[in-house]
Amino acid sequence: MSFYRYLVQNQLAPSVYNVFFNSQRANERLRSMPLHKLTNYNLSDLENLLKALRQRTKLTIEFIGFTGQV
């Protein structure tokens, strides 16, 4: 079984959002490829990027480092 998903990481120092494409085939290691770094640390810019991703694909989007944020 294989899986494919996006990973959005909230990096606090320096303040950027990182977007990765993760994939893993059966019996293989996880591969993580950096796709984009959003250096303008603005939540509305991140929301626009996520909206564009969701329009183009139905892949799962996993979020890391957003604990306590609304």
C-alpha atoms as a PDB file:
ATOM      1  CA  MET A   1       0.000   0.000   0.000  1.00  0.00           C
ATOM      2  CA  SER A   2       1.264   3.500  -0.827  1.00  0.00           C
ATOM      3  CA  PHE A   3       0.416   6.907   0.538  1.00  0.00           C
ATOM      4  CA  TYR A   4       0.889  10.437  -0.724  1.00  0.00           C
ATOM      5  CA  ARG A   5       0.247  13.646   1.224  1.00  0.00           C
ATOM      6  CA  TYR A   6       1.304  17.215   1.768  1.00  0.00           C
ATOM      7  CA  LEU A   7       2.934  18.342   4.994  1.00  0.00           C
ATOM      8  CA  VAL A   8       2.718  21.982   6.099  1.00  0.00           C
ATOM      9  CA  GLN A   9       5.191  22.921   8.823  1.00  0.00           C
ATOM     10  CA  ASN A  10       4.984  26.066  10.913  1.00  0.00           C
ATOM     11  CA  GLN A  11       8.615  26.959  11.581  1.00  0.00           C
ATOM     12  CA  LEU A  12       8.983  29.568  14.309  1.00  0.00           C
ATOM     13  CA  ALA A  13      12.658  30.557  13.988  1.00  0.00           C
ATOM     14  CA  PRO A  14      12.929  31.952  11.406  1.00  0.00           C
ATOM     15  CA  SER A  15       9.194  32.474  10.914  1.00  0.00           C
ATOM     16  CA  VAL A  16       8.297  30.626   7.700  1.00  0.00           C
ATOM     17  CA  TYR A  17       5.814  28.045   6.489  1.00  0.00           C
ATOM     18  CA  ASN A  18       7.356  25.014   4.751  1.00  0.00           C
ATOM     19  CA  VAL A  19       5.413  22.751   2.393  1.00  0.00           C
ATOM     20  CA  PHE A  20       6.585  19.211   1.634  1.00  0.00           C
ATOM     21  CA  PHE A  21       5.306  16.360  -0.520  1.00  0.00           C
ATOM     22  CA  ASN A  22       5.557  13.057   1.345  1.00  0.00           C
ATOM     23  CA  SER A  23       5.246   9.656  -0.281  1.00  0.00           C
ATOM     24  CA  GLN A  24       5.818   6.109   0.822  1.00  0.00           C
ATOM     25  CA  ARG A  25       5.405   2.900  -1.116  1.00  0.00           C
ATOM     26  CA  ALA A  26       4.867  -0.456   0.508  1.00  0.00           C
ATOM     27  CA  ASN A  27       8.024  -1.770   2.171  1.00  0.00           C
ATOM     28  CA  GLU A  28       9.962   1.415   1.346  1.00  0.00           C
ATOM     29  CA  ARG A  29      11.141   4.381   3.373  1.00  0.00           C
ATOM     30  CA  LEU A  30       9.262   7.657   3.591  1.00  0.00           C
ATOM     31  CA  ARG A  31      10.353  10.236   1.010  1.00  0.00           C
ATOM     32  CA  SER A  32       9.872  13.911   1.792  1.00  0.00           C
ATOM     33  CA  MET A  33      10.468  16.487  -0.924  1.00  0.00           C
ATOM     34  CA  PRO A  34      10.409  20.223  -0.146  1.00  0.00           C
ATOM     35  CA  LEU A  35       7.990  22.020  -2.450  1.00  0.00           C
ATOM     36  CA  HIS A  36       7.690  25.559  -1.201  1.00  0.00           C
ATOM     37  CA  LYS A  37       8.840  27.940   1.523  1.00  0.00           C
ATOM     38  CA  LEU A  38       6.451  30.764   2.330  1.00  0.00           C
ATOM     39  CA  THR A  39       8.739  33.426   3.811  1.00  0.00           C
ATOM     40  CA  ASN A  40       5.946  35.986   4.138  1.00  0.00           C
ATOM     41  CA  TYR A  41       4.744  34.715   7.527  1.00  0.00           C
ATOM     42  CA  ASN A  42       1.130  35.700   6.984  1.00  0.00           C
ATOM     43  CA  LEU A  43      -1.746  33.318   7.718  1.00  0.00           C
ATOM     44  CA  SER A  44      -3.911  34.657   4.877  1.00  0.00           C
ATOM     45  CA  ASP A  45      -1.104  33.901   2.376  1.00  0.00           C
ATOM     46  CA  LEU A  46      -0.894  30.361   3.751  1.00  0.00           C
ATOM     47  CA  GLU A  47      -4.674  29.979   3.437  1.00  0.00           C
ATOM     48  CA  ASN A  48      -4.496  31.082  -0.219  1.00  0.00           C
ATOM     49  CA  LEU A  49      -1.732  28.558  -0.903  1.00  0.00           C
ATOM     50  CA  LEU A  50      -3.740  25.773   0.750  1.00  0.00           C
ATOM     51  CA  LYS A  51      -6.843  26.731  -1.217  1.00  0.00           C
ATOM     52  CA  ALA A  52      -4.867  26.427  -4.468  1.00  0.00           C
ATOM     53  CA  LEU A  53      -3.504  23.012  -3.416  1.00  0.00           C
ATOM     54  CA  ARG A  54      -6.976  21.742  -2.563  1.00  0.00           C
ATOM     55  CA  GLN A  55      -8.333  22.875  -5.937  1.00  0.00           C
ATOM     56  CA  ARG A  56      -5.665  20.872  -7.767  1.00  0.00           C
ATOM     57  CA  THR A  57      -5.579  17.699  -5.693  1.00  0.00           C
ATOM     58  CA  LYS A  58      -7.496  15.730  -3.106  1.00  0.00           C
ATOM     59  CA  LEU A  59      -4.401  14.657  -1.174  1.00  0.00           C
ATOM     60  CA  THR A  60      -4.388  14.781   2.605  1.00  0.00           C
ATOM     61  CA  ILE A  61      -2.708  17.836   4.135  1.00  0.00           C
ATOM     62  CA  GLU A  62      -0.959  17.263   7.467  1.00  0.00           C
ATOM     63  CA  PHE A  63      -0.078  20.209   9.720  1.00  0.00           C
ATOM     64  CA  ILE A  64       2.865  20.344  12.143  1.00  0.00           C
ATOM     65  CA  GLY A  65       3.753  23.101  14.584  1.00  0.00           C
ATOM     66  CA  PHE A  66       0.361  24.820  14.693  1.00  0.00           C
ATOM     67  CA  THR A  67      -0.551  23.802  18.260  1.00  0.00           C
ATOM     68  CA  GLY A  68      -2.460  26.554  20.040  1.00  0.00           C
ATOM     69  CA  GLN A  69      -3.120  28.574  16.881  1.00  0.00           C
ATOM     70  CA  VAL A  70      -6.555  29.256  15.447  1.00  0.00           C
END
